[in-house]
């Protein structure tokens, strides 16, 4: 461009292209409109006339000349749910109370579908600050919104599936607990019946042995050996009665007396009571009892019964080994300051890992004698004390049984 003096002069680009009437401005506007993938709009706020670029019309499925260049064209294409909010946002921006104009709206396509549009604009103001022109771009973000909606839907579906899985797990746990309680009730009924049936002949044996003692008291002392045998009968009957009383106490929860006890003391007492049996069966017992353990609140006799049963099971299991150097280990330790672990390990042949869990089921036994209630009762005792009884073995190198007991609360 050259002025009358022949001096080159650049166009005045400080004025917006659409505010210049020269041909270069119009050409520049057309070039910008063609070079962008966004739809361009230019709203004359004084006349409500709007320029919609060909790309803008394409976003909503129309050709140039099919829609009037008025603001009502945009308003009529707006989704009904977006109209009030869009009008408010535009009014706030033009009034100067909103710092920028960025907004997402839905416009209806010619095929009657709804397209998500990101609208970005800027106002041209006069010297008083009044907006006289408002122009900007529209970007089709339908694919992005649809992808977000699909992701949200997928998350909702997975969340629902997780909730269903969680509920199924809860139902399964509840079912297992009901089955366990039912099984324990059956054990309770059976053990109560066994205790009742066996106590009667034991009581009779005790009564007859006592009568025999009274009779022998009148006979010369050369039959003291018979008298000693009767004493043993009475003692054994009394011991058997104590065992069954202990079993019956399991099913009379209100009668169980608990008190703060030292686990190490109970473990030592159990091993001392079994000392003769350990020596007779050539079993060496090792102890690793942690010092300074806190007390547990428990039924002393029942905890001792659990330890005794685990030790006796270990001793009997090791009888199957050829090696005469049999050993068992009794260990206690504190975990997390609120749980004590008691374990009994042996050097026997171990337990098949496939049937490790079944050893706690009632009437399951590998012994040639017994009815298979020992470990079931032990687990019942431990669980009623708030602990757990578990077993582990690789099927070759012995077995390990361990149970936990919660530490007694400290009175403050």
Protein backbone atom coordinates (compact mmCIF):
# COMPACT_ATOMS: atom_id res chain seq x y z
CA UNK A 1 0.00 0.00 0.00
CA UNK A 2 1.42 3.41 -1.03
CA UNK A 3 0.20 6.91 -0.02
CA UNK A 4 0.22 10.02 -2.22
CA UNK A 5 3.81 10.75 -1.31
CA UNK A 6 4.83 7.33 -2.57
CA UNK A 7 5.79 6.10 0.89
CA UNK A 8 4.89 2.50 1.81
CA UNK A 9 2.29 2.34 4.59
CA UNK A 10 1.27 -0.80 6.52
CA UNK A 11 -2.41 -1.48 7.28
CA UNK A 12 -3.60 -0.47 10.72
CA UNK A 13 -3.84 -3.84 12.51
CA UNK A 14 -4.66 -2.17 15.86
CA UNK A 15 -8.27 -2.16 14.74
CA UNK A 16 -10.10 -5.47 14.60
CA UNK A 17 -10.42 -6.80 11.01
CA UNK A 18 -14.20 -6.85 11.14
CA UNK A 19 -14.24 -3.15 12.10
CA UNK A 20 -12.43 -2.14 8.91
CA UNK A 21 -14.37 -1.73 5.72
CA UNK A 22 -11.42 -2.09 3.39
CA UNK A 23 -11.11 -5.12 1.14
CA UNK A 24 -7.91 -6.31 2.86
CA UNK A 25 -9.74 -6.64 6.16
CA UNK A 26 -12.50 -8.69 4.60
CA UNK A 27 -9.97 -10.89 2.83
CA UNK A 28 -8.08 -11.39 6.10
CA UNK A 29 -11.30 -12.33 7.87
CA UNK A 30 -12.09 -14.89 5.17
CA UNK A 31 -8.55 -16.29 5.39
CA UNK A 32 -8.80 -16.74 9.18
CA UNK A 33 -12.21 -18.37 8.82
CA UNK A 34 -10.87 -20.85 6.27
CA UNK A 35 -7.66 -21.67 8.17
CA UNK A 36 -9.23 -22.75 11.45
CA UNK A 37 -11.27 -25.83 12.26
CA UNK A 38 -13.37 -23.77 14.66
CA UNK A 39 -16.55 -21.97 13.75
CA UNK A 40 -16.20 -18.16 13.91
CA UNK A 41 -19.01 -15.84 14.95
CA UNK A 42 -19.16 -12.03 15.09
CA UNK A 43 -22.12 -10.45 16.87
CA UNK A 44 -22.94 -6.76 16.31
CA UNK A 45 -24.51 -5.92 19.65
CA UNK A 46 -26.13 -2.73 18.29
CA UNK A 47 -28.03 -4.44 15.45
CA UNK A 48 -28.11 -8.10 16.73
CA UNK A 49 -26.71 -9.13 13.37
CA UNK A 50 -24.29 -12.05 13.55
CA UNK A 51 -21.73 -13.28 11.07
CA UNK A 52 -21.52 -17.11 11.09
CA UNK A 53 -18.54 -18.53 9.24
CA UNK A 54 -19.01 -21.47 6.83
CA UNK A 55 -17.27 -23.74 9.34
CA UNK A 56 -19.67 -22.56 12.07
CA UNK A 57 -22.62 -23.49 9.88
CA UNK A 58 -20.98 -26.82 9.08
CA UNK A 59 -20.74 -27.66 12.83
CA UNK A 60 -24.54 -27.66 12.98
CA UNK A 61 -25.08 -29.20 9.54
CA UNK A 62 -26.09 -26.18 7.44
CA UNK A 63 -24.80 -24.56 4.27
CA UNK A 64 -24.19 -20.84 3.80
CA UNK A 65 -27.44 -19.01 3.18
CA UNK A 66 -29.63 -21.57 4.99
CA UNK A 67 -29.72 -19.70 8.31
CA UNK A 68 -30.32 -15.99 8.92
CA UNK A 69 -27.42 -13.96 10.27
CA UNK A 70 -29.16 -13.04 13.51
CA UNK A 71 -28.56 -13.81 17.20
CA UNK A 72 -31.89 -15.65 17.25
CA UNK A 73 -30.30 -18.34 15.05
CA UNK A 74 -27.88 -19.20 17.86
CA UNK A 75 -30.59 -18.89 20.55
CA UNK A 76 -33.03 -21.15 18.71
CA UNK A 77 -30.38 -23.85 18.25
CA UNK A 78 -29.52 -23.88 21.98
CA UNK A 79 -30.70 -26.80 24.07
CA UNK A 80 -33.67 -25.69 26.21
CA UNK A 81 -31.80 -26.62 29.39
CA UNK A 82 -28.84 -24.41 28.40
CA UNK A 83 -30.65 -21.22 27.37
CA UNK A 84 -31.12 -19.47 30.71
CA UNK A 85 -27.62 -20.26 31.93
CA UNK A 86 -26.03 -19.15 28.64
CA UNK A 87 -27.95 -15.88 28.63
CA UNK A 88 -26.86 -15.19 32.22
CA UNK A 89 -23.17 -15.92 31.50
CA UNK A 90 -23.15 -13.71 28.38
CA UNK A 91 -24.88 -10.88 30.24
CA UNK A 92 -22.39 -11.06 33.11
CA UNK A 93 -19.42 -10.98 30.72
CA UNK A 94 -20.73 -8.07 28.65
CA UNK A 95 -21.55 -6.16 31.86
CA UNK A 96 -17.96 -6.66 33.05
CA UNK A 97 -18.77 -8.74 36.13
CA UNK A 98 -17.30 -11.92 34.58
CA UNK A 99 -13.60 -11.68 33.63
CA UNK A 100 -13.77 -13.94 30.56
CA UNK A 101 -16.23 -15.77 28.40
CA UNK A 102 -15.71 -19.56 28.27
CA UNK A 103 -18.74 -21.79 28.19
CA UNK A 104 -19.98 -25.23 27.07
CA UNK A 105 -23.38 -25.49 25.39
CA UNK A 106 -25.42 -27.92 23.35
CA UNK A 107 -26.53 -26.91 19.84
CA UNK A 108 -29.01 -28.85 17.75
CA UNK A 109 -27.63 -30.24 14.50
CA UNK A 110 -29.69 -30.26 11.34
CA UNK A 111 -30.10 -34.03 11.77
CA UNK A 112 -31.81 -33.29 15.14
CA UNK A 113 -28.90 -34.61 17.19
CA UNK A 114 -27.23 -32.52 19.89
CA UNK A 115 -23.63 -31.38 19.55
CA UNK A 116 -21.51 -30.25 22.47
CA UNK A 117 -19.82 -26.92 21.68
CA UNK A 118 -17.09 -25.04 23.54
CA UNK A 119 -17.69 -21.32 23.12
CA UNK A 120 -14.93 -18.76 23.63
CA UNK A 121 -15.32 -15.07 22.90
CA UNK A 122 -14.10 -11.53 23.53
CA UNK A 123 -15.93 -8.22 23.46
CA UNK A 124 -14.91 -5.02 21.69
CA UNK A 125 -15.79 -2.00 23.80
CA UNK A 126 -16.04 1.73 23.08
CA UNK A 127 -14.29 4.48 24.99
CA UNK A 128 -16.89 4.28 27.78
CA UNK A 129 -16.39 0.55 28.27
CA UNK A 130 -19.67 -0.40 26.67
CA UNK A 131 -19.55 -3.59 24.60
CA UNK A 132 -20.42 -2.88 20.99
CA UNK A 133 -19.24 -6.09 19.39
CA UNK A 134 -18.83 -9.66 20.63
CA UNK A 135 -16.90 -12.23 18.60
CA UNK A 136 -15.29 -15.60 19.11
CA UNK A 137 -15.09 -19.26 18.17
CA UNK A 138 -17.10 -22.45 18.59
CA UNK A 139 -15.28 -25.80 18.91
CA UNK A 140 -17.07 -29.13 18.54
CA UNK A 141 -16.21 -31.19 21.66
CA UNK A 142 -18.93 -33.80 21.21
CA UNK A 143 -16.49 -36.71 20.87
CA UNK A 144 -14.65 -35.67 24.02
CA UNK A 145 -17.89 -35.33 25.98
CA UNK A 146 -19.19 -38.65 24.69
CA UNK A 147 -15.90 -40.33 25.67
CA UNK A 148 -16.15 -38.81 29.14
CA UNK A 149 -19.74 -40.00 29.39
CA UNK A 150 -18.74 -43.50 28.32
CA UNK A 151 -15.91 -43.50 30.85
CA UNK A 152 -18.28 -42.29 33.55
CA UNK A 153 -20.76 -44.98 32.59
CA UNK A 154 -18.01 -47.61 32.63
CA UNK A 155 -16.87 -46.45 36.07
CA UNK A 156 -20.46 -46.59 37.29
CA UNK A 157 -20.86 -50.12 35.91
CA UNK A 158 -17.60 -51.29 37.49
CA UNK A 159 -18.56 -49.63 40.76
CA UNK A 160 -21.89 -51.43 40.69
CA UNK A 161 -20.12 -54.72 39.92
CA UNK A 162 -17.69 -54.15 42.80
CA UNK A 163 -20.60 -53.43 45.13
CA UNK A 164 -22.33 -56.59 43.97
CA UNK A 165 -19.12 -58.56 44.51
CA UNK A 166 -18.68 -57.01 47.94
CA UNK A 167 -22.24 -57.91 48.86
CA UNK A 168 -21.74 -61.44 47.53
CA UNK A 169 -18.64 -61.77 49.71
CA UNK A 170 -20.54 -60.50 52.71
CA UNK A 171 -23.33 -62.98 52.02
CA UNK A 172 -20.78 -65.78 51.65
CA UNK A 173 -19.11 -64.86 54.95
CA UNK A 174 -22.48 -64.71 56.67
CA UNK A 175 -23.41 -68.09 55.21
CA UNK A 176 -20.12 -69.60 56.37
CA UNK A 177 -20.64 -68.15 59.83
CA UNK A 178 -24.14 -69.65 59.95
CA UNK A 179 -22.78 -73.02 58.83
CA UNK A 180 -20.02 -72.80 61.40
CA UNK A 181 -22.50 -71.94 64.15
CA UNK A 182 -24.74 -74.78 63.03
CA UNK A 183 -21.77 -77.16 63.07
CA UNK A 184 -20.77 -75.97 66.51
CA UNK A 185 -24.31 -76.44 67.75
CA UNK A 186 -24.22 -80.03 66.49
CA UNK A 187 -20.92 -80.56 68.27
CA UNK A 188 -22.37 -79.04 71.42
CA UNK A 189 -25.35 -81.36 71.32
CA UNK A 190 -23.21 -84.42 70.63
CA UNK A 191 -20.65 -83.58 73.31
CA UNK A 192 -23.34 -82.81 75.87
CA UNK A 193 -24.92 -86.21 75.10
CA UNK A 194 -21.54 -87.98 75.28
CA UNK A 195 -20.69 -86.30 78.56
CA UNK A 196 -24.07 -87.25 80.02
CA UNK A 197 -23.86 -90.87 78.87
CA UNK A 198 -20.29 -91.45 80.06
CA UNK A 199 -20.65 -89.67 83.39
CA UNK A 200 -23.24 -92.24 84.45
CA UNK A 201 -20.95 -95.32 84.19
CA UNK A 202 -18.09 -93.29 85.63
CA UNK A 203 -20.24 -92.39 88.61
CA UNK A 204 -21.20 -96.06 88.97
CA UNK A 205 -17.57 -97.17 88.80
CA UNK A 206 -16.62 -94.62 91.42
CA UNK A 207 -19.46 -95.73 93.70
CA UNK A 208 -18.57 -99.43 93.35
CA UNK A 209 -14.85 -98.79 93.89
CA UNK A 210 -15.66 -96.80 97.03
CA UNK A 211 -17.86 -99.65 98.31
CA UNK A 212 -15.04 -102.11 97.61
CA UNK A 213 -12.65 -99.93 99.59
CA UNK A 214 -14.98 -99.94 102.54
CA UNK A 215 -15.24 -103.73 102.29
CA UNK A 216 -11.45 -104.14 102.06
CA UNK A 217 -11.00 -102.04 105.16
CA UNK A 218 -12.37 -104.97 107.13
CA UNK A 219 -9.93 -107.46 105.55
CA UNK A 220 -6.29 -108.00 106.64
CA UNK A 221 -3.70 -105.71 105.05
CA UNK A 222 -2.13 -108.39 102.79
CA UNK A 223 -4.29 -107.24 99.93
CA UNK A 224 -2.99 -103.65 99.84
CA UNK A 225 -2.22 -104.07 96.13
CA UNK A 226 -5.94 -104.43 95.39
CA UNK A 227 -6.64 -101.39 97.52
CA UNK A 228 -4.10 -99.35 95.50
CA UNK A 229 -5.76 -100.46 92.27
CA UNK A 230 -9.12 -99.29 93.54
CA UNK A 231 -7.60 -95.98 94.51
CA UNK A 232 -6.40 -95.59 90.92
CA UNK A 233 -9.85 -96.43 89.58
CA UNK A 234 -11.39 -93.73 91.73
CA UNK A 235 -8.68 -91.25 90.72
CA UNK A 236 -9.08 -92.00 87.02
CA UNK A 237 -12.87 -91.74 87.24
CA UNK A 238 -12.49 -88.40 88.98
CA UNK A 239 -10.10 -87.18 86.29
CA UNK A 240 -12.47 -88.33 83.54
CA UNK A 241 -15.31 -86.45 85.23
CA UNK A 242 -13.18 -83.30 85.30
CA UNK A 243 -12.50 -83.66 81.57
CA UNK A 244 -16.18 -83.95 80.76
CA UNK A 245 -17.02 -81.09 83.10
CA UNK A 246 -14.52 -79.00 81.14
CA UNK A 247 -16.17 -80.02 77.86
CA UNK A 248 -19.62 -79.23 79.17
CA UNK A 249 -18.42 -75.84 80.34
CA UNK A 250 -17.76 -74.95 76.71
CA UNK A 251 -21.47 -75.00 76.06
CA UNK A 252 -22.46 -73.09 79.15
CA UNK A 253 -21.03 -69.73 78.31
CA UNK A 254 -22.45 -68.02 81.34
CA UNK A 255 -20.53 -70.38 83.64
CA UNK A 256 -17.11 -69.70 82.11
CA UNK A 257 -14.94 -67.78 84.51
CA UNK A 258 -12.20 -65.75 82.93
CA UNK A 259 -9.35 -64.02 84.66
CA UNK A 260 -6.05 -62.35 83.77
CA UNK A 261 -3.48 -65.12 83.28
CA UNK A 262 0.13 -65.54 82.14
CA UNK A 263 0.34 -67.57 78.94
CA UNK A 264 3.89 -68.68 79.72
CA UNK A 265 2.80 -70.10 83.08
CA UNK A 266 0.02 -72.11 81.43
CA UNK A 267 2.41 -73.40 78.76
CA UNK A 268 4.95 -74.52 81.37
CA UNK A 269 2.23 -76.18 83.47
CA UNK A 270 0.96 -78.10 80.43
CA UNK A 271 4.45 -79.33 79.52
CA UNK A 272 5.16 -80.31 83.13
CA UNK A 273 1.94 -82.33 83.29
CA UNK A 274 2.95 -84.15 80.09
CA UNK A 275 6.60 -84.63 81.11
CA UNK A 276 6.20 -88.36 81.77
CA UNK A 277 4.53 -88.96 78.42
CA UNK A 278 7.23 -86.99 76.59
CA UNK A 279 10.00 -89.02 78.22
CA UNK A 280 8.22 -92.31 77.58
CA UNK A 281 7.86 -91.52 73.86
CA UNK A 282 11.38 -90.12 73.50
CA UNK A 283 10.27 -86.59 72.64
CA UNK A 284 12.43 -83.59 73.52
CA UNK A 285 10.48 -80.41 74.17
CA UNK A 286 12.08 -77.03 73.52
CA UNK A 287 10.58 -73.75 74.67
CA UNK A 288 11.00 -70.22 73.31
CA UNK A 289 8.75 -68.24 75.61
CA UNK A 290 8.97 -64.49 75.14
CA UNK A 291 9.70 -62.60 78.35
CA UNK A 292 7.58 -59.76 79.65
CA UNK A 293 4.37 -60.82 77.91
CA UNK A 294 1.24 -58.97 79.02
CA UNK A 295 -1.65 -60.86 80.59
CA UNK A 296 -4.54 -62.34 78.67
CA UNK A 297 -8.06 -62.56 80.01
CA UNK A 298 -8.97 -66.22 79.63
CA UNK A 299 -10.39 -69.39 81.12
CA UNK A 300 -7.17 -70.88 82.48
CA UNK A 301 -8.26 -74.52 82.26
CA UNK A 302 -9.51 -74.19 78.70
CA UNK A 303 -6.31 -72.52 77.43
CA UNK A 304 -4.31 -75.30 79.09
CA UNK A 305 -6.60 -77.85 77.44
CA UNK A 306 -5.80 -76.34 74.01
CA UNK A 307 -2.03 -76.44 74.62
CA UNK A 308 -2.21 -79.96 76.03
CA UNK A 309 -4.19 -81.20 73.04
CA UNK A 310 -1.78 -79.63 70.55
CA UNK A 311 1.24 -81.15 72.31
CA UNK A 312 -0.37 -84.60 72.55
CA UNK A 313 -1.31 -84.48 68.86
CA UNK A 314 2.30 -83.59 67.99
CA UNK A 315 3.64 -86.45 70.12
CA UNK A 316 1.29 -88.99 68.52
CA UNK A 317 2.11 -87.70 65.02
CA UNK A 318 5.83 -88.23 65.61
CA UNK A 319 5.30 -91.89 66.51
CA UNK A 320 4.96 -92.50 62.76
CA UNK A 321 8.56 -91.39 62.16
CA UNK A 322 11.47 -93.84 62.10
CA UNK A 323 13.81 -91.27 63.62
CA UNK A 324 13.76 -91.69 67.39
CA UNK A 325 15.13 -88.17 67.96
CA UNK A 326 11.73 -86.57 68.04
CA UNK A 327 11.35 -82.93 69.00
CA UNK A 328 8.67 -80.31 69.49
CA UNK A 329 8.91 -76.60 70.03
CA UNK A 330 6.63 -74.46 72.19
CA UNK A 331 6.84 -70.74 71.38
CA UNK A 332 5.13 -67.58 72.57
CA UNK A 333 5.49 -64.07 71.18
CA UNK A 334 3.79 -60.67 71.20
CA UNK A 335 2.45 -59.22 67.95
CA UNK A 336 1.29 -55.62 67.46
CA UNK A 337 1.21 -55.01 71.21
CA UNK A 338 -2.29 -56.47 71.46
CA UNK A 339 -2.06 -60.11 70.39
CA UNK A 340 -0.14 -63.04 71.84
CA UNK A 341 0.75 -65.99 69.59
CA UNK A 342 1.25 -69.49 71.00
CA UNK A 343 2.64 -72.11 68.63
CA UNK A 344 3.46 -75.82 68.79
CA UNK A 345 5.70 -77.28 66.09
CA UNK A 346 6.88 -80.86 65.65
CA UNK A 347 9.40 -82.87 63.63
CA UNK A 348 6.83 -85.43 62.51
CA UNK A 349 5.80 -86.41 58.97
CA UNK A 350 3.57 -83.37 58.54
CA UNK A 351 0.06 -83.04 57.13
CA UNK A 352 -1.02 -83.15 53.51
CA UNK A 353 -1.56 -79.47 52.57
CA UNK A 354 -4.73 -80.44 50.70
CA UNK A 355 -6.41 -81.56 53.93
CA UNK A 356 -4.82 -79.08 56.33
CA UNK A 357 -8.11 -77.22 56.87
CA UNK A 358 -10.14 -80.39 57.45
CA UNK A 359 -8.20 -81.27 60.62
CA UNK A 360 -10.39 -78.81 62.53
CA UNK A 361 -13.64 -80.43 61.42
CA UNK A 362 -15.55 -82.52 63.92
CA UNK A 363 -15.11 -86.32 63.69
CA UNK A 364 -12.12 -86.01 61.34
CA UNK A 365 -9.13 -87.99 62.65
CA UNK A 366 -6.13 -89.96 61.43
CA UNK A 367 -5.76 -91.85 64.70
CA UNK A 368 -6.71 -95.45 65.18
CA UNK A 369 -8.55 -94.38 68.33
CA UNK A 370 -10.58 -91.32 69.25
CA UNK A 371 -13.54 -89.67 67.60
CA UNK A 372 -11.84 -86.56 66.13
CA UNK A 373 -13.23 -83.82 68.34
CA UNK A 374 -10.01 -82.56 69.91
CA UNK A 375 -9.02 -79.90 67.38
CA UNK A 376 -12.64 -78.90 66.75
CA UNK A 377 -13.04 -78.19 70.46
CA UNK A 378 -9.69 -76.39 70.55
CA UNK A 379 -10.74 -74.08 67.75
CA UNK A 380 -14.04 -73.45 69.50
CA UNK A 381 -12.24 -72.51 72.71
CA UNK A 382 -9.82 -70.17 70.94
CA UNK A 383 -12.54 -68.43 68.91
CA UNK A 384 -14.65 -67.89 72.02
CA UNK A 385 -11.64 -66.16 73.52
CA UNK A 386 -11.48 -63.83 70.52
CA UNK A 387 -8.54 -65.59 68.84
CA UNK A 388 -7.80 -67.82 65.86
CA UNK A 389 -6.36 -71.34 65.59
CA UNK A 390 -4.55 -72.26 62.36
CA UNK A 391 -2.27 -74.99 61.04
CA UNK A 392 0.41 -75.16 58.37
CA UNK A 393 2.56 -77.91 56.86
CA UNK A 394 4.36 -78.77 53.65
CA UNK A 395 3.43 -82.43 54.08
CA UNK A 396 7.04 -83.50 54.71
CA UNK A 397 8.78 -81.57 57.46
CA UNK A 398 6.47 -81.58 60.45
CA UNK A 399 3.45 -79.45 61.23
CA UNK A 400 2.88 -76.17 63.01
CA UNK A 401 -0.21 -75.20 64.97
CA UNK A 402 -0.58 -71.71 66.33
CA UNK A 403 -3.34 -69.79 68.04
CA UNK A 404 -3.77 -66.20 69.10
CA UNK A 405 -5.23 -64.61 72.20
CA UNK A 406 -5.99 -60.91 72.66
CA UNK A 407 -4.13 -59.05 75.38
CA UNK A 408 -6.26 -58.25 78.44
CA UNK A 409 -7.43 -54.62 78.52
CA UNK A 410 -5.53 -52.39 80.92
CA UNK A 411 -7.73 -50.88 83.62
CA UNK A 412 -7.28 -47.13 83.86
